[in-house]
Amino acid sequence: MILIGAVLVAAIAAAPLPADPPSARVAALERLAAAGHAEAIYHLGMAWHTGSGVAQDKAKALDAFRRAAELGDPLAAYKLGCYYDGQGDGLVQDDEAIAYYFKSIAAEAGYALAQTDLADLDIRRGDMVGARDWLERAAAQGWPGGLLGYASVHNLADGERRGVPRDRVKTAAYFRLFTQAVDASQKQLDWLAAFERKMSRAEREQAAAIVKAYRPAPTALTAKGLSGSRAADALVAATGR
């Protein structure tokens, strides 16, 4: 089994951190934010977005994400993109182009969730080649959605016409990696077994070689994005606030 969750958060989870209550974390983040610390402003935005340590206030969250994104925080840019892609609760009008722009900042910086989101946006636009490329980058990090999407994009009936020819080897290999990264259902395992029975022996061997050689390489940004409040605690601890 590829323990994706453990791999992705190992860097932050390894260090013991103070178990401050959420309200204390928010107070420390506010002091950092007052000094213009982009990551602290992002974490404040997440606190307002989720209601952790403060009353939930998506208007304040949106403002924080804007400020942090302007200061160069890629996770804030991602959340700002999410607000333009359906999470805005009426605070902003959904705008696919704006969502794509801000999410692309995080995706280019290495955030796997943003990469799979851009793949979805590319699929909406009919750009299967762009979707494949983003999914490949997310799959390389061990992101389950990237693994599943990369397998699926190589199994399209009209893939040749859309620029991504069918590839049974990649479909089988990356779907198997996906099943190893999640608690796969019996239906998913049965589908893979049936799919592999249709492959030649050479194709099965090639797929097995891909699986054997595969090593997920999550970026530090993906690990930080997944760690949630622990990243905020790590920031507060590192700055002594």
C-alpha atoms as a PDB file:
ATOM      1  CA  MET A   1       0.000   0.000   0.000  1.00  0.00           C
ATOM      2  CA  ILE A   2       1.136   3.543  -0.753  1.00  0.00           C
ATOM      3  CA  LEU A   3       0.400   5.441   2.439  1.00  0.00           C
ATOM      4  CA  ILE A   4      -0.330   8.708   0.665  1.00  0.00           C
ATOM      5  CA  GLY A   5      -1.620  10.575   3.698  1.00  0.00           C
ATOM      6  CA  ALA A   6       1.435   9.715   5.775  1.00  0.00           C
ATOM      7  CA  VAL A   7       3.794  10.690   2.975  1.00  0.00           C
ATOM      8  CA  LEU A   8       2.076  13.999   2.300  1.00  0.00           C
ATOM      9  CA  VAL A   9       2.042  15.324   5.849  1.00  0.00           C
ATOM     10  CA  ALA A  10       5.189  13.719   7.270  1.00  0.00           C
ATOM     11  CA  ALA A  11       7.287  16.885   7.226  1.00  0.00           C
ATOM     12  CA  ILE A  12       4.888  18.850   9.406  1.00  0.00           C
ATOM     13  CA  ALA A  13       3.472  16.009  11.496  1.00  0.00           C
ATOM     14  CA  ALA A  14       6.945  14.866  12.580  1.00  0.00           C
ATOM     15  CA  ALA A  15       7.580  17.890  14.782  1.00  0.00           C
ATOM     16  CA  PRO A  16       5.774  18.203  18.127  1.00  0.00           C
ATOM     17  CA  LEU A  17       3.806  21.429  18.277  1.00  0.00           C
ATOM     18  CA  PRO A  18       2.124  23.300  21.111  1.00  0.00           C
ATOM     19  CA  ALA A  19      -1.539  22.413  21.460  1.00  0.00           C
ATOM     20  CA  ASP A  20      -2.772  25.996  21.762  1.00  0.00           C
ATOM     21  CA  PRO A  21      -6.531  26.513  21.557  1.00  0.00           C
ATOM     22  CA  PRO A  22      -7.788  27.896  18.232  1.00  0.00           C
ATOM     23  CA  SER A  23      -8.454  31.330  19.762  1.00  0.00           C
ATOM     24  CA  ALA A  24      -4.816  31.623  20.895  1.00  0.00           C
ATOM     25  CA  ARG A  25      -3.645  30.600  17.435  1.00  0.00           C
ATOM     26  CA  VAL A  26      -5.826  33.273  15.862  1.00  0.00           C
ATOM     27  CA  ALA A  27      -4.438  35.948  18.205  1.00  0.00           C
ATOM     28  CA  ALA A  28      -0.877  34.993  17.293  1.00  0.00           C
ATOM     29  CA  LEU A  29      -1.729  34.981  13.595  1.00  0.00           C
ATOM     30  CA  GLU A  30      -3.312  38.418  13.887  1.00  0.00           C
ATOM     31  CA  ARG A  31      -0.063  39.797  15.323  1.00  0.00           C
ATOM     32  CA  LEU A  32       1.868  38.342  12.390  1.00  0.00           C
ATOM     33  CA  ALA A  33      -0.740  39.540   9.902  1.00  0.00           C
ATOM     34  CA  ALA A  34      -0.475  43.082  11.242  1.00  0.00           C
ATOM     35  CA  ALA A  35       3.175  42.987  10.192  1.00  0.00           C
ATOM     36  CA  GLY A  36       2.181  41.926   6.668  1.00  0.00           C
ATOM     37  CA  HIS A  37       3.032  38.216   6.943  1.00  0.00           C
ATOM     38  CA  ALA A  38       1.348  36.639   3.896  1.00  0.00           C
ATOM     39  CA  GLU A  39       1.076  33.096   5.236  1.00  0.00           C
ATOM     40  CA  ALA A  40      -0.369  34.315   8.532  1.00  0.00           C
ATOM     41  CA  ILE A  41      -3.002  36.284   6.629  1.00  0.00           C
ATOM     42  CA  TYR A  42      -3.850  33.130   4.659  1.00  0.00           C
ATOM     43  CA  HIS A  43      -4.272  31.111   7.860  1.00  0.00           C
ATOM     44  CA  LEU A  44      -6.508  33.835   9.279  1.00  0.00           C
ATOM     45  CA  GLY A  45      -8.555  33.560   6.115  1.00  0.00           C
ATOM     46  CA  MET A  46      -8.900  29.830   6.673  1.00  0.00           C
ATOM     47  CA  ALA A  47      -9.953  30.437  10.289  1.00  0.00           C
ATOM     48  CA  TRP A  48     -12.733  32.755   9.119  1.00  0.00           C
ATOM     49  CA  HIS A  49     -13.602  30.408   6.265  1.00  0.00           C
ATOM     50  CA  THR A  50     -14.061  27.410   8.577  1.00  0.00           C
ATOM     51  CA  GLY A  51     -14.999  29.139  11.834  1.00  0.00           C
ATOM     52  CA  SER A  52     -11.986  27.765  13.718  1.00  0.00           C
ATOM     53  CA  GLY A  53     -11.247  29.940  16.756  1.00  0.00           C
ATOM     54  CA  VAL A  54     -13.447  32.742  15.413  1.00  0.00           C
ATOM     55  CA  ALA A  55     -17.002  33.145  14.208  1.00  0.00           C
ATOM     56  CA  GLN A  56     -17.268  32.010  10.615  1.00  0.00           C
ATOM     57  CA  ASP A  57     -17.176  35.042   8.329  1.00  0.00           C
ATOM     58  CA  LYS A  58     -16.623  34.367   4.657  1.00  0.00           C
ATOM     59  CA  ALA A  59     -16.482  38.068   3.816  1.00  0.00           C
ATOM     60  CA  LYS A  60     -13.471  38.451   6.115  1.00  0.00           C
ATOM     61  CA  ALA A  61     -12.026  35.231   4.709  1.00  0.00           C
ATOM     62  CA  LEU A  62     -12.339  36.525   1.165  1.00  0.00           C
ATOM     63  CA  ASP A  63     -10.617  39.775   2.106  1.00  0.00           C
ATOM     64  CA  ALA A  64      -7.799  37.861   3.807  1.00  0.00           C
ATOM     65  CA  PHE A  65      -7.308  35.575   0.825  1.00  0.00           C
ATOM     66  CA  ARG A  66      -7.118  38.611  -1.472  1.00  0.00           C
ATOM     67  CA  ARG A  67      -4.532  40.316   0.726  1.00  0.00           C
ATOM     68  CA  ALA A  68      -2.403  37.202   1.138  1.00  0.00           C
ATOM     69  CA  ALA A  69      -2.585  36.394  -2.571  1.00  0.00           C
ATOM     70  CA  GLU A  70      -1.440  39.917  -3.399  1.00  0.00           C
ATOM     71  CA  LEU A  71       1.519  39.325  -1.075  1.00  0.00           C
ATOM     72  CA  GLY A  72       2.396  36.140  -2.944  1.00  0.00           C
ATOM     73  CA  ASP A  73       0.918  33.301  -0.880  1.00  0.00           C
ATOM     74  CA  PRO A  74      -0.024  30.496  -3.325  1.00  0.00           C
ATOM     75  CA  LEU A  75      -2.483  28.741  -1.004  1.00  0.00           C
ATOM     76  CA  ALA A  76      -4.344  32.017  -0.579  1.00  0.00           C
ATOM     77  CA  ALA A  77      -4.455  32.375  -4.351  1.00  0.00           C
ATOM     78  CA  TYR A  78      -5.949  28.887  -4.523  1.00  0.00           C
ATOM     79  CA  LYS A  79      -8.694  29.703  -2.014  1.00  0.00           C
ATOM     80  CA  LEU A  80      -9.411  32.954  -3.813  1.00  0.00           C
ATOM     81  CA  GLY A  81      -9.855  30.912  -6.978  1.00  0.00           C
ATOM     82  CA  CYS A  82     -12.235  28.604  -5.099  1.00  0.00           C
ATOM     83  CA  TYR A  83     -14.394  31.571  -4.162  1.00  0.00           C
ATOM     84  CA  TYR A  84     -14.768  32.348  -7.864  1.00  0.00           C
ATOM     85  CA  ASP A  85     -15.522  28.683  -8.543  1.00  0.00           C
ATOM     86  CA  GLY A  86     -18.583  28.176  -6.391  1.00  0.00           C
ATOM     87  CA  GLN A  87     -17.446  28.778  -2.791  1.00  0.00           C
ATOM     88  CA  GLY A  88     -18.191  32.493  -2.733  1.00  0.00           C
ATOM     89  CA  ASP A  89     -21.684  32.269  -1.205  1.00  0.00           C
ATOM     90  CA  GLY A  90     -22.740  35.285  -3.243  1.00  0.00           C
ATOM     91  CA  LEU A  91     -19.782  37.432  -2.186  1.00  0.00           C
ATOM     92  CA  VAL A  92     -18.374  37.267  -5.705  1.00  0.00           C
ATOM     93  CA  GLN A  93     -19.858  36.186  -8.995  1.00  0.00           C
ATOM     94  CA  ASP A  94     -18.646  32.827 -10.248  1.00  0.00           C
ATOM     95  CA  ASP A  95     -16.091  33.419 -12.979  1.00  0.00           C
ATOM     96  CA  GLU A  96     -14.276  30.468 -14.518  1.00  0.00           C
ATOM     97  CA  ALA A  97     -11.505  32.586 -16.025  1.00  0.00           C
ATOM     98  CA  ILE A  98     -10.714  34.306 -12.719  1.00  0.00           C
ATOM     99  CA  ALA A  99     -10.896  30.983 -10.866  1.00  0.00           C
ATOM    100  CA  TYR A 100      -8.487  29.451 -13.353  1.00  0.00           C
ATOM    101  CA  TYR A 101      -6.058  32.347 -13.031  1.00  0.00           C
ATOM    102  CA  PHE A 102      -5.779  32.202  -9.253  1.00  0.00           C
ATOM    103  CA  LYS A 103      -5.788  28.417  -9.015  1.00  0.00           C
ATOM    104  CA  SER A 104      -3.039  28.287 -11.640  1.00  0.00           C
ATOM    105  CA  ILE A 105      -0.762  30.262  -9.302  1.00  0.00           C
ATOM    106  CA  ALA A 106      -1.031  27.494  -6.709  1.00  0.00           C
ATOM    107  CA  ALA A 107      -0.849  24.748  -9.325  1.00  0.00           C
ATOM    108  CA  GLU A 108       2.351  26.126 -10.818  1.00  0.00           C
ATOM    109  CA  ALA A 109       3.768  26.403  -7.292  1.00  0.00           C
ATOM    110  CA  GLY A 110       3.151  22.666  -6.863  1.00  0.00           C
ATOM    111  CA  TYR A 111      -0.162  22.341  -5.024  1.00  0.00           C
ATOM    112  CA  ALA A 112      -1.675  19.016  -6.081  1.00  0.00           C
ATOM    113  CA  LEU A 113      -5.277  19.938  -5.273  1.00  0.00           C
ATOM    114  CA  ALA A 114      -5.001  23.017  -7.478  1.00  0.00           C
ATOM    115  CA  GLN A 115      -3.534  20.868 -10.242  1.00  0.00           C
ATOM    116  CA  THR A 116      -6.520  18.513 -10.222  1.00  0.00           C
ATOM    117  CA  ASP A 117      -8.894  21.480 -10.075  1.00  0.00           C
ATOM    118  CA  LEU A 118      -7.271  22.965 -13.171  1.00  0.00           C
ATOM    119  CA  ALA A 119      -7.622  19.613 -14.902  1.00  0.00           C
ATOM    120  CA  ASP A 120     -11.360  19.741 -14.172  1.00  0.00           C
ATOM    121  CA  LEU A 121     -11.546  23.282 -15.519  1.00  0.00           C
ATOM    122  CA  ASP A 122      -9.634  22.246 -18.637  1.00  0.00           C
ATOM    123  CA  ILE A 123     -12.067  19.371 -19.176  1.00  0.00           C
ATOM    124  CA  ARG A 124     -14.958  21.837 -18.956  1.00  0.00           C
ATOM    125  CA  ARG A 125     -13.216  23.843 -21.656  1.00  0.00           C
ATOM    126  CA  GLY A 126     -12.632  20.765 -23.794  1.00  0.00           C
ATOM    127  CA  ASP A 127      -8.854  20.931 -23.376  1.00  0.00           C
ATOM    128  CA  MET A 128      -8.014  17.287 -22.691  1.00  0.00           C
ATOM    129  CA  VAL A 129      -4.299  17.772 -23.342  1.00  0.00           C
ATOM    130  CA  GLY A 130      -4.115  20.489 -20.706  1.00  0.00           C
ATOM    131  CA  ALA A 131      -6.107  18.318 -18.306  1.00  0.00           C
ATOM    132  CA  ARG A 132      -3.781  15.371 -18.883  1.00  0.00           C
ATOM    133  CA  ASP A 133      -0.713  17.480 -18.172  1.00  0.00           C
ATOM    134  CA  TRP A 134      -2.076  18.794 -14.863  1.00  0.00           C
ATOM    135  CA  LEU A 135      -3.224  15.318 -13.833  1.00  0.00           C
ATOM    136  CA  GLU A 136       0.223  13.938 -14.579  1.00  0.00           C
ATOM    137  CA  ARG A 137       1.768  16.457 -12.187  1.00  0.00           C
ATOM    138  CA  ALA A 138      -0.764  15.695  -9.459  1.00  0.00           C
ATOM    139  CA  ALA A 139      -0.350  11.946  -9.970  1.00  0.00           C
ATOM    140  CA  ALA A 140       3.408  12.276  -9.549  1.00  0.00           C
ATOM    141  CA  GLN A 141       2.738  13.635  -6.053  1.00  0.00           C
ATOM    142  CA  GLY A 142       0.578  10.669  -5.085  1.00  0.00           C
ATOM    143  CA  TRP A 143      -2.607  12.724  -5.037  1.00  0.00           C
ATOM    144  CA  PRO A 144      -5.485  10.202  -5.321  1.00  0.00           C
ATOM    145  CA  GLY A 145      -7.548  12.456  -7.566  1.00  0.00           C
ATOM    146  CA  GLY A 146      -4.538  12.891  -9.825  1.00  0.00           C
ATOM    147  CA  LEU A 147      -3.941   9.143 -10.019  1.00  0.00           C
ATOM    148  CA  LEU A 148      -7.577   8.409 -10.839  1.00  0.00           C
ATOM    149  CA  GLY A 149      -7.866  11.265 -13.297  1.00  0.00           C
ATOM    150  CA  TYR A 150      -4.641  10.346 -15.079  1.00  0.00           C
ATOM    151  CA  ALA A 151      -5.865   6.757 -15.437  1.00  0.00           C
ATOM    152  CA  SER A 152      -9.237   7.926 -16.728  1.00  0.00           C
ATOM    153  CA  VAL A 153      -7.951  10.467 -19.224  1.00  0.00           C
ATOM    154  CA  HIS A 154      -6.056   7.673 -20.984  1.00  0.00           C
ATOM    155  CA  ASN A 155      -9.221   5.599 -21.380  1.00  0.00           C
ATOM    156  CA  LEU A 156     -11.474   7.953 -23.322  1.00  0.00           C
ATOM    157  CA  ALA A 157     -13.415   6.495 -26.232  1.00  0.00           C
ATOM    158  CA  ASP A 158     -12.720   9.625 -28.288  1.00  0.00           C
ATOM    159  CA  GLY A 159      -9.275  10.266 -26.846  1.00  0.00           C
ATOM    160  CA  GLU A 160      -7.484  10.161 -30.186  1.00  0.00           C
ATOM    161  CA  ARG A 161      -9.664  12.947 -31.540  1.00  0.00           C
ATOM    162  CA  ARG A 162      -9.216  14.994 -28.372  1.00  0.00           C
ATOM    163  CA  GLY A 163      -5.436  14.707 -28.327  1.00  0.00           C
ATOM    164  CA  VAL A 164      -5.010  11.993 -25.680  1.00  0.00           C
ATOM    165  CA  PRO A 165      -4.964   8.554 -27.345  1.00  0.00           C
ATOM    166  CA  ARG A 166      -6.123   5.561 -25.347  1.00  0.00           C
ATOM    167  CA  ASP A 167      -3.320   3.901 -23.407  1.00  0.00           C
ATOM    168  CA  ARG A 168      -4.308   0.715 -21.602  1.00  0.00           C
ATOM    169  CA  VAL A 169      -0.944   0.446 -19.871  1.00  0.00           C
ATOM    170  CA  LYS A 170      -1.230   3.874 -18.221  1.00  0.00           C
ATOM    171  CA  THR A 171      -4.899   3.350 -17.406  1.00  0.00           C
ATOM    172  CA  ALA A 172      -4.205   0.050 -15.639  1.00  0.00           C
ATOM    173  CA  ALA A 173      -1.045   1.234 -13.885  1.00  0.00           C
ATOM    174  CA  TYR A 174      -2.430   4.476 -12.530  1.00  0.00           C
ATOM    175  CA  PHE A 175      -5.789   2.999 -11.608  1.00  0.00           C
ATOM    176  CA  ARG A 176      -3.941   0.361  -9.598  1.00  0.00           C
ATOM    177  CA  LEU A 177      -1.895   3.094  -7.914  1.00  0.00           C
ATOM    178  CA  PHE A 178      -5.157   4.858  -7.130  1.00  0.00           C
ATOM    179  CA  THR A 179      -6.602   1.726  -5.513  1.00  0.00           C
ATOM    180  CA  GLN A 180      -3.458   1.479  -3.390  1.00  0.00           C
ATOM    181  CA  ALA A 181      -3.731   5.104  -2.307  1.00  0.00           C
ATOM    182  CA  VAL A 182      -7.325   4.915  -1.082  1.00  0.00           C
ATOM    183  CA  ASP A 183      -9.700   2.463   0.516  1.00  0.00           C
ATOM    184  CA  ALA A 184     -10.775   1.101  -2.858  1.00  0.00           C
ATOM    185  CA  SER A 185     -14.246  -0.360  -3.180  1.00  0.00           C
ATOM    186  CA  GLN A 186     -14.814  -3.902  -4.372  1.00  0.00           C
ATOM    187  CA  LYS A 187     -16.484  -2.461  -7.464  1.00  0.00           C
ATOM    188  CA  GLN A 188     -13.311  -0.533  -8.312  1.00  0.00           C
ATOM    189  CA  LEU A 189     -11.130  -3.593  -7.766  1.00  0.00           C
ATOM    190  CA  ASP A 190     -13.441  -5.712  -9.910  1.00  0.00           C
ATOM    191  CA  TRP A 191     -13.331  -3.108 -12.687  1.00  0.00           C
ATOM    192  CA  LEU A 192      -9.534  -3.136 -12.660  1.00  0.00           C
ATOM    193  CA  ALA A 193      -9.397  -6.934 -12.756  1.00  0.00           C
ATOM    194  CA  ALA A 194     -11.774  -7.018 -15.718  1.00  0.00           C
ATOM    195  CA  PHE A 195      -9.807  -4.302 -17.497  1.00  0.00           C
ATOM    196  CA  GLU A 196      -6.505  -6.124 -17.000  1.00  0.00           C
ATOM    197  CA  ARG A 197      -7.969  -9.344 -18.416  1.00  0.00           C
ATOM    198  CA  LYS A 198      -8.447  -7.513 -21.707  1.00  0.00           C
ATOM    199  CA  MET A 199      -4.767  -6.535 -21.850  1.00  0.00           C
ATOM    200  CA  SER A 200      -1.994  -8.499 -23.470  1.00  0.00           C
ATOM    201  CA  ARG A 201       0.669 -10.085 -21.304  1.00  0.00           C
ATOM    202  CA  ALA A 202       3.182  -7.490 -22.498  1.00  0.00           C
ATOM    203  CA  GLU A 203       0.827  -4.657 -21.547  1.00  0.00           C
ATOM    204  CA  ARG A 204       0.255  -6.108 -18.077  1.00  0.00           C
ATOM    205  CA  GLU A 205       4.001  -6.407 -17.563  1.00  0.00           C
ATOM    206  CA  GLN A 206       4.525  -2.788 -18.627  1.00  0.00           C
ATOM    207  CA  ALA A 207       1.800  -1.620 -16.242  1.00  0.00           C
ATOM    208  CA  ALA A 208       3.289  -3.668 -13.406  1.00  0.00           C
ATOM    209  CA  ALA A 209       6.684  -2.091 -14.052  1.00  0.00           C
ATOM    210  CA  ILE A 210       5.193   1.403 -13.753  1.00  0.00           C
ATOM    211  CA  VAL A 211       3.538   0.493 -10.459  1.00  0.00           C
ATOM    212  CA  LYS A 212       6.727  -1.063  -9.081  1.00  0.00           C
ATOM    213  CA  ALA A 213       8.868   1.949  -9.987  1.00  0.00           C
ATOM    214  CA  TYR A 214       6.386   4.550  -8.788  1.00  0.00           C
ATOM    215  CA  ARG A 215       7.356   6.718  -5.822  1.00  0.00           C
ATOM    216  CA  PRO A 216       5.064   9.593  -4.828  1.00  0.00           C
ATOM    217  CA  ALA A 217       6.874  12.907  -4.487  1.00  0.00           C
ATOM    218  CA  PRO A 218       4.539  15.422  -2.840  1.00  0.00           C
ATOM    219  CA  THR A 219       5.714  19.014  -2.736  1.00  0.00           C
ATOM    220  CA  ALA A 220       6.146  20.975   0.464  1.00  0.00           C
ATOM    221  CA  LEU A 221       3.229  23.152  -0.624  1.00  0.00           C
ATOM    222  CA  THR A 222       0.928  20.145  -0.955  1.00  0.00           C
ATOM    223  CA  ALA A 223       1.967  18.931   2.501  1.00  0.00           C
ATOM    224  CA  LYS A 224       1.311  22.378   3.952  1.00  0.00           C
ATOM    225  CA  GLY A 225      -2.050  22.654   2.253  1.00  0.00           C
ATOM    226  CA  LEU A 226      -3.139  19.290   3.631  1.00  0.00           C
ATOM    227  CA  SER A 227      -1.915  19.906   7.162  1.00  0.00           C
ATOM    228  CA  GLY A 228      -4.470  22.621   7.862  1.00  0.00           C
ATOM    229  CA  SER A 229      -4.199  24.175  11.314  1.00  0.00           C
ATOM    230  CA  ARG A 230      -0.965  22.305  12.037  1.00  0.00           C
ATOM    231  CA  ALA A 231       0.737  24.505   9.449  1.00  0.00           C
ATOM    232  CA  ALA A 232      -0.603  27.558  11.258  1.00  0.00           C
ATOM    233  CA  ASP A 233       0.698  26.181  14.563  1.00  0.00           C
ATOM    234  CA  ALA A 234       4.071  25.507  12.935  1.00  0.00           C
ATOM    235  CA  LEU A 235       4.232  29.089  11.675  1.00  0.00           C
ATOM    236  CA  VAL A 236       3.383  30.518  15.087  1.00  0.00           C
ATOM    237  CA  ALA A 237       5.938  28.268  16.787  1.00  0.00           C
ATOM    238  CA  ALA A 238       8.648  29.151  14.260  1.00  0.00           C
ATOM    239  CA  THR A 239       8.128  32.888  14.664  1.00  0.00           C
ATOM    240  CA  GLY A 240       7.864  32.810  18.442  1.00  0.00           C
ATOM    241  CA  ARG A 241       4.588  34.693  18.449  1.00  0.00           C
END
